[in-house]
Amino acid sequence: MEKRLRQPGDEGENRCGTAFLGLGSNLGDRLGHLKQALKALRDREIPLLGASSVYETDPVGFLEQPSFLNAVVEVGWKGAPRDLLERCLAVERVMGRERRVRNGPRTLDIDILLFGDRVHREAGLEIPHPRLHERRFVLVPLEEIAPGILHPALKRTVRELLASCADPSGVRRLPLRLALERVDPCGYNPAASRGTRE
């Protein structure tokens, strides 16, 4: 099921739109894995429009594992959600991701957090991410780069979701930011999708 605002000539694609991806790693060279993930996304023709700082975060769910490095990136994407997911999963596989334990350690995790103004559900894919509003390790970096963006199902901004989030896990901002090679797809202005920043 999917709900979204449709535009003239829209054939179901996210035309010249954006999505927000959550990146995480807690095995090996964590920062190196995040940097390699950005290159792999670019290599798969996913334009990178913005990135948060890097955060060190406590594990959630399965606690007996190392801390994570997390970041959020904004990407340009005109295609369907499933196509974006498949490319993200391909990057995870290249980086050696193994799914053995739910919420367990991983070399790389890439989640689609938001996809334009869509509410989209199909087998193996739910947008917005169903636990986005419950996780500080996602909300904090997302709020850094898109505080005013609206959750299309909950009708609350990212800043409001973060303020009401009950997750007690630690999220520590590091003096690091992932370097981007910016691409402007279809003349798109990424700042316009986020509204006015404070």
N, C-alpha and C. Protein backbone atom coordinates (compact mmCIF):
# COMPACT_ATOMS: atom_id res chain seq x y z
N MET A 1 0.85 -1.19 0.00
CA MET A 1 0.00 0.00 0.00
C MET A 1 0.88 1.23 0.00
N GLU A 2 0.44 2.27 -0.70
CA GLU A 2 1.26 3.46 -0.81
C GLU A 2 0.38 4.69 -0.88
N LYS A 3 0.78 5.73 -0.13
CA LYS A 3 0.08 7.00 -0.18
C LYS A 3 1.10 8.09 -0.42
N ARG A 4 0.81 8.99 -1.34
CA ARG A 4 1.70 10.11 -1.57
C ARG A 4 1.02 11.13 -2.45
N LEU A 5 1.59 12.33 -2.50
CA LEU A 5 1.08 13.36 -3.38
C LEU A 5 1.57 13.08 -4.79
N ARG A 6 0.68 13.03 -5.75
CA ARG A 6 1.05 12.74 -7.13
C ARG A 6 1.13 14.04 -7.91
N GLN A 7 2.00 14.06 -8.88
CA GLN A 7 2.23 15.23 -9.70
C GLN A 7 1.84 14.92 -11.14
N PRO A 8 1.52 15.95 -11.94
CA PRO A 8 1.20 15.72 -13.35
C PRO A 8 2.31 14.96 -14.05
N GLY A 9 1.96 13.92 -14.77
CA GLY A 9 2.93 13.13 -15.50
C GLY A 9 3.66 12.11 -14.66
N ASP A 10 3.29 11.99 -13.38
CA ASP A 10 3.97 11.07 -12.48
C ASP A 10 3.54 9.65 -12.81
N GLU A 11 4.53 8.77 -13.06
CA GLU A 11 4.24 7.37 -13.37
C GLU A 11 4.65 6.46 -12.23
N GLY A 12 4.73 6.99 -11.01
CA GLY A 12 5.06 6.18 -9.86
C GLY A 12 6.50 6.30 -9.42
N GLU A 13 7.31 7.08 -10.12
CA GLU A 13 8.68 7.28 -9.73
C GLU A 13 8.79 8.48 -8.79
N ASN A 14 9.89 8.54 -8.07
CA ASN A 14 10.20 9.67 -7.21
C ASN A 14 10.95 10.69 -8.05
N ARG A 15 10.24 11.44 -8.89
CA ARG A 15 10.84 12.22 -9.96
C ARG A 15 11.67 13.36 -9.39
N CYS A 16 13.00 13.30 -9.64
CA CYS A 16 13.93 14.33 -9.18
C CYS A 16 13.80 14.57 -7.69
N GLY A 17 13.40 13.53 -6.94
CA GLY A 17 13.21 13.67 -5.51
C GLY A 17 14.39 13.18 -4.70
N THR A 18 14.18 13.07 -3.41
CA THR A 18 15.25 12.65 -2.53
C THR A 18 14.79 11.56 -1.60
N ALA A 19 15.77 10.88 -1.02
CA ALA A 19 15.54 9.91 0.04
C ALA A 19 16.63 10.12 1.08
N PHE A 20 16.38 9.66 2.29
CA PHE A 20 17.36 9.71 3.36
C PHE A 20 17.71 8.29 3.75
N LEU A 21 19.02 8.01 3.80
CA LEU A 21 19.53 6.69 4.14
C LEU A 21 20.28 6.75 5.46
N GLY A 22 20.05 5.75 6.31
CA GLY A 22 20.83 5.61 7.53
C GLY A 22 21.95 4.61 7.32
N LEU A 23 23.18 4.98 7.68
CA LEU A 23 24.35 4.12 7.54
C LEU A 23 24.89 3.78 8.92
N GLY A 24 25.32 2.52 9.09
CA GLY A 24 25.90 2.12 10.37
C GLY A 24 26.92 1.02 10.20
N SER A 25 27.90 1.01 11.11
CA SER A 25 28.93 -0.04 11.10
C SER A 25 29.48 -0.20 12.51
N ASN A 26 29.71 -1.45 12.93
CA ASN A 26 30.36 -1.66 14.23
C ASN A 26 31.38 -2.80 14.21
N LEU A 27 31.85 -3.18 13.03
CA LEU A 27 32.89 -4.19 12.90
C LEU A 27 34.05 -3.66 12.07
N GLY A 28 35.28 -4.00 12.47
CA GLY A 28 36.44 -3.63 11.68
C GLY A 28 36.66 -2.13 11.64
N ASP A 29 37.06 -1.64 10.48
CA ASP A 29 37.31 -0.22 10.27
C ASP A 29 35.97 0.48 10.03
N ARG A 30 35.33 0.87 11.11
CA ARG A 30 33.96 1.40 11.01
C ARG A 30 33.88 2.63 10.13
N LEU A 31 34.77 3.60 10.35
CA LEU A 31 34.74 4.81 9.54
C LEU A 31 35.08 4.49 8.09
N GLY A 32 36.05 3.62 7.89
CA GLY A 32 36.40 3.21 6.53
C GLY A 32 35.23 2.58 5.81
N HIS A 33 34.44 1.79 6.53
CA HIS A 33 33.28 1.16 5.91
C HIS A 33 32.25 2.20 5.48
N LEU A 34 32.04 3.22 6.30
CA LEU A 34 31.09 4.27 5.93
C LEU A 34 31.57 5.02 4.70
N LYS A 35 32.86 5.32 4.66
CA LYS A 35 33.41 6.03 3.50
C LYS A 35 33.30 5.17 2.24
N GLN A 36 33.61 3.89 2.35
CA GLN A 36 33.50 3.00 1.20
C GLN A 36 32.05 2.87 0.74
N ALA A 37 31.12 2.91 1.69
CA ALA A 37 29.71 2.83 1.33
C ALA A 37 29.30 3.99 0.44
N LEU A 38 29.78 5.20 0.75
CA LEU A 38 29.44 6.36 -0.08
C LEU A 38 29.97 6.19 -1.50
N LYS A 39 31.19 5.71 -1.61
CA LYS A 39 31.75 5.48 -2.94
C LYS A 39 30.93 4.43 -3.69
N ALA A 40 30.54 3.36 -2.99
CA ALA A 40 29.77 2.31 -3.64
C ALA A 40 28.39 2.80 -4.06
N LEU A 41 27.78 3.68 -3.28
CA LEU A 41 26.50 4.25 -3.67
C LEU A 41 26.66 5.11 -4.92
N ARG A 42 27.72 5.94 -4.95
CA ARG A 42 27.96 6.76 -6.14
C ARG A 42 28.21 5.88 -7.36
N ASP A 43 28.96 4.80 -7.17
CA ASP A 43 29.26 3.90 -8.28
C ASP A 43 27.98 3.27 -8.85
N ARG A 44 26.94 3.20 -8.03
CA ARG A 44 25.66 2.65 -8.47
C ARG A 44 24.67 3.75 -8.88
N GLU A 45 25.23 4.90 -9.21
CA GLU A 45 24.47 6.03 -9.76
C GLU A 45 23.40 6.53 -8.79
N ILE A 46 23.78 6.61 -7.52
CA ILE A 46 22.93 7.21 -6.50
C ILE A 46 23.58 8.53 -6.09
N PRO A 47 23.09 9.67 -6.56
CA PRO A 47 23.71 10.96 -6.24
C PRO A 47 23.63 11.27 -4.75
N LEU A 48 24.72 11.74 -4.19
CA LEU A 48 24.79 12.11 -2.78
C LEU A 48 24.62 13.62 -2.65
N LEU A 49 23.62 14.04 -1.89
CA LEU A 49 23.28 15.45 -1.80
C LEU A 49 23.67 16.08 -0.47
N GLY A 50 23.80 15.27 0.56
CA GLY A 50 24.15 15.82 1.87
C GLY A 50 24.47 14.70 2.83
N ALA A 51 25.21 15.03 3.89
CA ALA A 51 25.57 14.02 4.88
C ALA A 51 25.67 14.67 6.25
N SER A 52 25.29 13.91 7.27
CA SER A 52 25.43 14.36 8.65
C SER A 52 26.85 14.18 9.13
N SER A 53 27.10 14.65 10.34
CA SER A 53 28.32 14.27 11.04
C SER A 53 28.28 12.77 11.32
N VAL A 54 29.41 12.24 11.75
CA VAL A 54 29.47 10.84 12.17
C VAL A 54 29.25 10.79 13.69
N TYR A 55 28.46 9.83 14.12
CA TYR A 55 28.12 9.68 15.54
C TYR A 55 28.53 8.30 16.02
N GLU A 56 29.07 8.24 17.23
CA GLU A 56 29.29 6.95 17.88
C GLU A 56 28.09 6.66 18.76
N THR A 57 27.50 5.48 18.63
CA THR A 57 26.23 5.19 19.27
C THR A 57 26.27 3.84 19.98
N ASP A 58 25.49 3.76 21.05
CA ASP A 58 25.35 2.51 21.78
C ASP A 58 24.48 1.54 20.99
N PRO A 59 24.77 0.24 21.07
CA PRO A 59 23.91 -0.73 20.39
C PRO A 59 22.51 -0.75 21.00
N VAL A 60 21.54 -1.08 20.17
CA VAL A 60 20.14 -1.15 20.59
C VAL A 60 19.62 -2.54 20.26
N GLY A 61 18.85 -3.12 21.18
CA GLY A 61 18.30 -4.45 20.94
C GLY A 61 19.24 -5.53 21.45
N PHE A 62 20.24 -5.85 20.67
CA PHE A 62 21.27 -6.81 21.05
C PHE A 62 22.45 -6.02 21.60
N LEU A 63 22.63 -6.04 22.94
CA LEU A 63 23.55 -5.11 23.59
C LEU A 63 24.99 -5.62 23.67
N GLU A 64 25.19 -6.91 23.57
CA GLU A 64 26.54 -7.48 23.72
C GLU A 64 27.30 -7.42 22.41
N GLN A 65 27.64 -6.22 22.00
CA GLN A 65 28.38 -6.01 20.77
C GLN A 65 29.04 -4.64 20.83
N PRO A 66 30.01 -4.37 19.94
CA PRO A 66 30.71 -3.08 19.97
C PRO A 66 29.78 -1.91 19.62
N SER A 67 30.20 -0.71 19.99
CA SER A 67 29.44 0.49 19.63
C SER A 67 29.52 0.71 18.12
N PHE A 68 28.58 1.48 17.62
CA PHE A 68 28.45 1.73 16.18
C PHE A 68 28.98 3.12 15.83
N LEU A 69 29.33 3.27 14.57
CA LEU A 69 29.41 4.58 13.96
C LEU A 69 28.22 4.71 13.03
N ASN A 70 27.49 5.81 13.15
CA ASN A 70 26.29 6.04 12.35
C ASN A 70 26.33 7.40 11.67
N ALA A 71 25.67 7.49 10.55
CA ALA A 71 25.49 8.76 9.84
C ALA A 71 24.23 8.64 9.00
N VAL A 72 23.73 9.78 8.55
CA VAL A 72 22.59 9.83 7.63
C VAL A 72 23.01 10.60 6.39
N VAL A 73 22.66 10.10 5.22
CA VAL A 73 22.95 10.80 3.98
C VAL A 73 21.65 11.05 3.22
N GLU A 74 21.61 12.17 2.53
CA GLU A 74 20.50 12.50 1.64
C GLU A 74 20.93 12.18 0.21
N VAL A 75 20.11 11.46 -0.50
CA VAL A 75 20.45 11.06 -1.86
C VAL A 75 19.35 11.50 -2.82
N GLY A 76 19.75 11.73 -4.06
CA GLY A 76 18.78 12.00 -5.11
C GLY A 76 18.37 10.67 -5.76
N TRP A 77 17.07 10.51 -5.95
CA TRP A 77 16.61 9.25 -6.53
C TRP A 77 15.30 9.47 -7.27
N LYS A 78 15.29 9.17 -8.56
CA LYS A 78 14.09 9.35 -9.39
C LYS A 78 13.30 8.06 -9.55
N GLY A 79 13.88 6.93 -9.19
CA GLY A 79 13.25 5.64 -9.46
C GLY A 79 12.33 5.17 -8.35
N ALA A 80 12.04 3.88 -8.39
CA ALA A 80 11.12 3.26 -7.45
C ALA A 80 11.85 2.90 -6.15
N PRO A 81 11.11 2.79 -5.04
CA PRO A 81 11.74 2.42 -3.77
C PRO A 81 12.46 1.07 -3.83
N ARG A 82 11.85 0.07 -4.48
CA ARG A 82 12.45 -1.25 -4.54
C ARG A 82 13.81 -1.21 -5.25
N ASP A 83 13.92 -0.41 -6.30
CA ASP A 83 15.19 -0.30 -7.01
C ASP A 83 16.28 0.30 -6.12
N LEU A 84 15.91 1.31 -5.34
CA LEU A 84 16.88 1.90 -4.41
C LEU A 84 17.29 0.88 -3.35
N LEU A 85 16.32 0.14 -2.82
CA LEU A 85 16.64 -0.88 -1.82
C LEU A 85 17.61 -1.91 -2.38
N GLU A 86 17.37 -2.39 -3.60
CA GLU A 86 18.24 -3.41 -4.18
C GLU A 86 19.67 -2.91 -4.32
N ARG A 87 19.83 -1.65 -4.66
CA ARG A 87 21.19 -1.10 -4.78
C ARG A 87 21.85 -0.98 -3.42
N CYS A 88 21.07 -0.61 -2.41
CA CYS A 88 21.63 -0.53 -1.05
C CYS A 88 22.04 -1.92 -0.55
N LEU A 89 21.20 -2.93 -0.81
CA LEU A 89 21.54 -4.29 -0.39
C LEU A 89 22.78 -4.79 -1.11
N ALA A 90 22.93 -4.41 -2.38
CA ALA A 90 24.12 -4.81 -3.13
C ALA A 90 25.37 -4.21 -2.50
N VAL A 91 25.29 -2.96 -2.03
CA VAL A 91 26.43 -2.33 -1.36
C VAL A 91 26.75 -3.08 -0.07
N GLU A 92 25.72 -3.43 0.69
CA GLU A 92 25.94 -4.20 1.92
C GLU A 92 26.67 -5.51 1.63
N ARG A 93 26.24 -6.20 0.59
CA ARG A 93 26.86 -7.49 0.26
C ARG A 93 28.33 -7.31 -0.12
N VAL A 94 28.62 -6.29 -0.91
CA VAL A 94 30.00 -6.03 -1.31
C VAL A 94 30.87 -5.76 -0.08
N MET A 95 30.28 -5.14 0.94
CA MET A 95 31.02 -4.80 2.16
C MET A 95 31.06 -5.95 3.16
N GLY A 96 30.55 -7.11 2.77
CA GLY A 96 30.65 -8.28 3.62
C GLY A 96 29.58 -8.43 4.68
N ARG A 97 28.43 -7.79 4.49
CA ARG A 97 27.34 -7.88 5.48
C ARG A 97 26.83 -9.31 5.56
N GLU A 98 26.71 -9.83 6.80
CA GLU A 98 26.13 -11.14 7.06
C GLU A 98 25.01 -10.98 8.07
N ARG A 99 23.83 -11.53 7.77
CA ARG A 99 22.66 -11.39 8.64
C ARG A 99 22.48 -12.67 9.45
N ARG A 100 23.21 -12.76 10.56
CA ARG A 100 23.16 -13.96 11.39
C ARG A 100 22.34 -13.76 12.65
N VAL A 101 22.44 -12.56 13.26
CA VAL A 101 21.75 -12.26 14.51
C VAL A 101 20.95 -10.99 14.32
N ARG A 102 19.67 -11.01 14.68
CA ARG A 102 18.83 -9.82 14.56
C ARG A 102 19.43 -8.69 15.40
N ASN A 103 19.60 -7.53 14.79
CA ASN A 103 20.19 -6.36 15.44
C ASN A 103 21.64 -6.61 15.88
N GLY A 104 22.28 -7.61 15.26
CA GLY A 104 23.63 -7.98 15.66
C GLY A 104 24.70 -7.18 14.96
N PRO A 105 25.98 -7.54 15.21
CA PRO A 105 27.10 -6.81 14.62
C PRO A 105 27.07 -6.87 13.10
N ARG A 106 27.61 -5.82 12.46
CA ARG A 106 27.61 -5.78 11.00
C ARG A 106 28.73 -4.88 10.51
N THR A 107 29.29 -5.24 9.37
CA THR A 107 30.27 -4.37 8.73
C THR A 107 29.60 -3.12 8.19
N LEU A 108 28.37 -3.29 7.68
CA LEU A 108 27.65 -2.15 7.11
C LEU A 108 26.16 -2.43 7.10
N ASP A 109 25.41 -1.41 7.47
CA ASP A 109 23.95 -1.46 7.40
C ASP A 109 23.48 -0.20 6.69
N ILE A 110 22.61 -0.34 5.70
CA ILE A 110 22.02 0.81 5.01
C ILE A 110 20.50 0.65 5.05
N ASP A 111 19.82 1.60 5.66
CA ASP A 111 18.36 1.59 5.75
C ASP A 111 17.79 2.79 5.02
N ILE A 112 16.71 2.58 4.29
CA ILE A 112 15.94 3.69 3.73
C ILE A 112 15.06 4.23 4.84
N LEU A 113 15.30 5.47 5.24
CA LEU A 113 14.54 6.08 6.33
C LEU A 113 13.30 6.79 5.82
N LEU A 114 13.49 7.65 4.84
CA LEU A 114 12.40 8.42 4.23
C LEU A 114 12.61 8.43 2.73
N PHE A 115 11.51 8.51 1.99
CA PHE A 115 11.57 8.48 0.53
C PHE A 115 10.56 9.50 0.02
N GLY A 116 11.02 10.74 -0.11
CA GLY A 116 10.08 11.81 -0.47
C GLY A 116 8.97 11.88 0.56
N ASP A 117 7.73 12.02 0.07
CA ASP A 117 6.59 12.07 0.97
C ASP A 117 5.79 10.77 0.95
N ARG A 118 6.45 9.69 0.59
CA ARG A 118 5.75 8.42 0.43
C ARG A 118 5.54 7.68 1.73
N VAL A 119 4.39 6.99 1.80
CA VAL A 119 4.14 5.93 2.76
C VAL A 119 3.97 4.67 1.92
N HIS A 120 4.93 3.76 2.04
CA HIS A 120 5.03 2.65 1.09
C HIS A 120 5.28 1.35 1.84
N ARG A 121 4.50 0.31 1.51
CA ARG A 121 4.68 -1.00 2.14
C ARG A 121 4.60 -2.08 1.08
N GLU A 122 5.59 -2.95 1.10
CA GLU A 122 5.57 -4.15 0.29
C GLU A 122 6.44 -5.18 1.00
N ALA A 123 6.48 -6.38 0.51
CA ALA A 123 7.27 -7.43 1.16
C ALA A 123 8.73 -7.01 1.27
N GLY A 124 9.25 -7.00 2.50
CA GLY A 124 10.64 -6.69 2.72
C GLY A 124 10.99 -5.22 2.68
N LEU A 125 9.99 -4.33 2.58
CA LEU A 125 10.28 -2.90 2.50
C LEU A 125 9.13 -2.10 3.06
N GLU A 126 9.44 -1.26 4.05
CA GLU A 126 8.44 -0.36 4.62
C GLU A 126 9.05 1.02 4.76
N ILE A 127 8.38 2.01 4.18
CA ILE A 127 8.83 3.40 4.20
C ILE A 127 7.67 4.29 4.66
N PRO A 128 7.94 5.20 5.63
CA PRO A 128 9.17 5.43 6.36
C PRO A 128 9.61 4.18 7.14
N HIS A 129 10.88 4.14 7.51
CA HIS A 129 11.36 3.01 8.29
C HIS A 129 10.49 2.87 9.54
N PRO A 130 10.01 1.65 9.82
CA PRO A 130 9.01 1.49 10.88
C PRO A 130 9.50 1.85 12.28
N ARG A 131 10.81 1.87 12.50
CA ARG A 131 11.32 2.21 13.84
C ARG A 131 12.10 3.53 13.83
N LEU A 132 11.94 4.30 12.78
CA LEU A 132 12.63 5.58 12.67
C LEU A 132 12.39 6.46 13.89
N HIS A 133 11.15 6.59 14.30
CA HIS A 133 10.78 7.51 15.38
C HIS A 133 11.17 7.00 16.76
N GLU A 134 11.67 5.76 16.85
CA GLU A 134 12.02 5.17 18.14
C GLU A 134 13.52 5.13 18.40
N ARG A 135 14.34 5.58 17.45
CA ARG A 135 15.77 5.35 17.52
C ARG A 135 16.56 6.65 17.45
N ARG A 136 17.21 6.98 18.56
CA ARG A 136 18.00 8.20 18.59
C ARG A 136 19.20 8.13 17.65
N PHE A 137 19.76 6.93 17.43
CA PHE A 137 20.94 6.84 16.57
C PHE A 137 20.63 7.17 15.12
N VAL A 138 19.35 7.18 14.77
CA VAL A 138 18.91 7.64 13.46
C VAL A 138 18.40 9.07 13.52
N LEU A 139 17.59 9.37 14.52
CA LEU A 139 16.96 10.69 14.61
C LEU A 139 17.97 11.81 14.82
N VAL A 140 19.01 11.57 15.61
CA VAL A 140 19.97 12.65 15.89
C VAL A 140 20.71 13.09 14.61
N PRO A 141 21.32 12.17 13.85
CA PRO A 141 21.96 12.64 12.60
C PRO A 141 20.96 13.14 11.56
N LEU A 142 19.76 12.57 11.53
CA LEU A 142 18.75 13.05 10.58
C LEU A 142 18.32 14.46 10.94
N GLU A 143 18.16 14.73 12.23
CA GLU A 143 17.77 16.07 12.67
C GLU A 143 18.84 17.10 12.36
N GLU A 144 20.10 16.66 12.34
CA GLU A 144 21.20 17.58 12.02
C GLU A 144 21.06 18.14 10.61
N ILE A 145 20.64 17.32 9.64
CA ILE A 145 20.61 17.78 8.25
C ILE A 145 19.20 18.06 7.74
N ALA A 146 18.17 17.58 8.44
CA ALA A 146 16.79 17.79 7.96
C ALA A 146 15.82 17.93 9.12
N PRO A 147 16.01 18.94 9.97
CA PRO A 147 15.18 19.04 11.18
C PRO A 147 13.70 19.27 10.91
N GLY A 148 13.40 19.97 9.81
CA GLY A 148 12.01 20.34 9.55
C GLY A 148 11.26 19.41 8.63
N ILE A 149 11.90 18.35 8.14
CA ILE A 149 11.21 17.46 7.22
C ILE A 149 10.11 16.69 7.96
N LEU A 150 9.00 16.46 7.30
CA LEU A 150 7.82 15.88 7.93
C LEU A 150 7.77 14.38 7.72
N HIS A 151 7.55 13.65 8.81
CA HIS A 151 7.29 12.22 8.70
C HIS A 151 5.91 12.06 8.06
N PRO A 152 5.82 11.44 6.88
CA PRO A 152 4.55 11.46 6.15
C PRO A 152 3.44 10.65 6.77
N ALA A 153 3.75 9.74 7.68
CA ALA A 153 2.70 8.96 8.34
C ALA A 153 2.33 9.57 9.69
N LEU A 154 3.32 9.98 10.47
CA LEU A 154 3.06 10.52 11.80
C LEU A 154 2.74 12.01 11.79
N LYS A 155 3.02 12.69 10.66
CA LYS A 155 2.73 14.12 10.50
C LYS A 155 3.43 14.96 11.57
N ARG A 156 4.65 14.60 11.88
CA ARG A 156 5.48 15.36 12.82
C ARG A 156 6.86 15.54 12.20
N THR A 157 7.50 16.65 12.54
CA THR A 157 8.83 16.89 11.99
C THR A 157 9.85 16.00 12.69
N VAL A 158 11.01 15.87 12.06
CA VAL A 158 12.09 15.09 12.66
C VAL A 158 12.49 15.69 14.00
N ARG A 159 12.53 17.01 14.09
CA ARG A 159 12.88 17.66 15.36
C ARG A 159 11.86 17.31 16.44
N GLU A 160 10.60 17.29 16.10
CA GLU A 160 9.57 16.92 17.08
C GLU A 160 9.69 15.46 17.49
N LEU A 161 9.98 14.59 16.53
CA LEU A 161 10.14 13.17 16.85
C LEU A 161 11.32 12.96 17.79
N LEU A 162 12.41 13.66 17.55
CA LEU A 162 13.58 13.52 18.41
C LEU A 162 13.27 14.02 19.82
N ALA A 163 12.55 15.12 19.93
CA ALA A 163 12.25 15.70 21.25
C ALA A 163 11.39 14.75 22.09
N SER A 164 10.58 13.92 21.45
CA SER A 164 9.68 13.02 22.19
C SER A 164 10.18 11.59 22.23
N CYS A 165 11.36 11.33 21.67
CA CYS A 165 11.87 9.96 21.60
C CYS A 165 12.31 9.49 22.99
N ALA A 166 11.83 8.32 23.38
CA ALA A 166 12.13 7.78 24.71
C ALA A 166 13.37 6.89 24.74
N ASP A 167 14.02 6.70 23.62
CA ASP A 167 15.21 5.86 23.54
C ASP A 167 16.32 6.43 24.42
N PRO A 168 16.81 5.66 25.43
CA PRO A 168 17.84 6.18 26.33
C PRO A 168 19.27 5.93 25.86
N SER A 169 19.46 5.30 24.71
CA SER A 169 20.80 4.91 24.28
C SER A 169 21.66 6.13 23.96
N GLY A 170 22.96 5.99 24.16
CA GLY A 170 23.89 7.09 23.97
C GLY A 170 24.19 7.36 22.50
N VAL A 171 24.26 8.65 22.15
CA VAL A 171 24.61 9.09 20.80
C VAL A 171 25.58 10.25 20.94
N ARG A 172 26.82 10.06 20.50
CA ARG A 172 27.89 11.03 20.70
C ARG A 172 28.40 11.53 19.35
N ARG A 173 28.30 12.81 19.13
CA ARG A 173 28.76 13.39 17.86
C ARG A 173 30.29 13.44 17.83
N LEU A 174 30.88 12.98 16.74
CA LEU A 174 32.32 13.00 16.56
C LEU A 174 32.71 14.16 15.63
N PRO A 175 33.93 14.65 15.73
CA PRO A 175 34.37 15.75 14.86
C PRO A 175 34.73 15.23 13.47
N LEU A 176 33.81 14.51 12.87
CA LEU A 176 34.01 13.88 11.57
C LEU A 176 32.80 14.11 10.71
N ARG A 177 33.02 14.29 9.43
CA ARG A 177 31.92 14.39 8.46
C ARG A 177 32.35 13.66 7.19
N LEU A 178 31.44 12.89 6.62
CA LEU A 178 31.75 12.14 5.42
C LEU A 178 31.85 13.09 4.23
N ALA A 179 32.93 12.97 3.46
CA ALA A 179 33.14 13.84 2.29
C ALA A 179 32.24 13.41 1.15
N LEU A 180 31.64 14.39 0.49
CA LEU A 180 30.73 14.12 -0.62
C LEU A 180 31.27 14.71 -1.91
N GLU A 181 30.98 14.03 -3.00
CA GLU A 181 31.15 14.60 -4.33
C GLU A 181 29.75 14.94 -4.81
N ARG A 182 29.36 16.18 -4.62
CA ARG A 182 27.96 16.55 -4.81
C ARG A 182 27.55 16.49 -6.27
N VAL A 183 26.32 16.00 -6.47
CA VAL A 183 25.72 15.93 -7.79
C VAL A 183 24.35 16.57 -7.68
N ASP A 184 23.95 17.33 -8.69
CA ASP A 184 22.68 18.04 -8.68
C ASP A 184 21.77 17.43 -9.74
N PRO A 185 20.99 16.37 -9.42
CA PRO A 185 20.19 15.69 -10.42
C PRO A 185 19.01 16.52 -10.87
N CYS A 186 18.83 16.65 -12.17
CA CYS A 186 17.65 17.33 -12.74
C CYS A 186 17.54 18.77 -12.28
N GLY A 187 18.67 19.40 -11.92
CA GLY A 187 18.61 20.77 -11.43
C GLY A 187 17.97 20.88 -10.07
N TYR A 188 17.96 19.78 -9.30
CA TYR A 188 17.28 19.75 -8.01
C TYR A 188 18.07 20.53 -6.96
N ASN A 189 17.37 21.29 -6.12
CA ASN A 189 17.98 22.04 -5.03
C ASN A 189 17.70 21.31 -3.73
N PRO A 190 18.69 20.57 -3.15
CA PRO A 190 18.41 19.76 -1.98
C PRO A 190 17.96 20.57 -0.78
N ALA A 191 18.40 21.81 -0.66
CA ALA A 191 18.01 22.62 0.50
C ALA A 191 16.50 22.87 0.52
N ALA A 192 15.89 22.90 -0.66
CA ALA A 192 14.46 23.19 -0.73
C ALA A 192 13.62 22.12 -0.09
N SER A 193 14.12 20.86 -0.06
CA SER A 193 13.33 19.77 0.51
C SER A 193 13.30 19.83 2.02
N ARG A 194 14.20 20.62 2.62
CA ARG A 194 14.30 20.61 4.07
C ARG A 194 13.66 21.82 4.71
N GLY A 195 13.27 22.80 3.92
CA GLY A 195 12.68 23.99 4.48
C GLY A 195 13.74 24.88 5.12
N THR A 196 13.30 25.84 5.88
CA THR A 196 14.22 26.80 6.50
C THR A 196 14.89 26.17 7.72
N ARG A 197 16.20 26.30 7.80
CA ARG A 197 16.93 25.78 8.94
C ARG A 197 17.17 26.89 9.94
N GLU A 198 17.29 26.47 11.19
CA GLU A 198 17.59 27.44 12.24
C GLU A 198 19.08 27.45 12.52
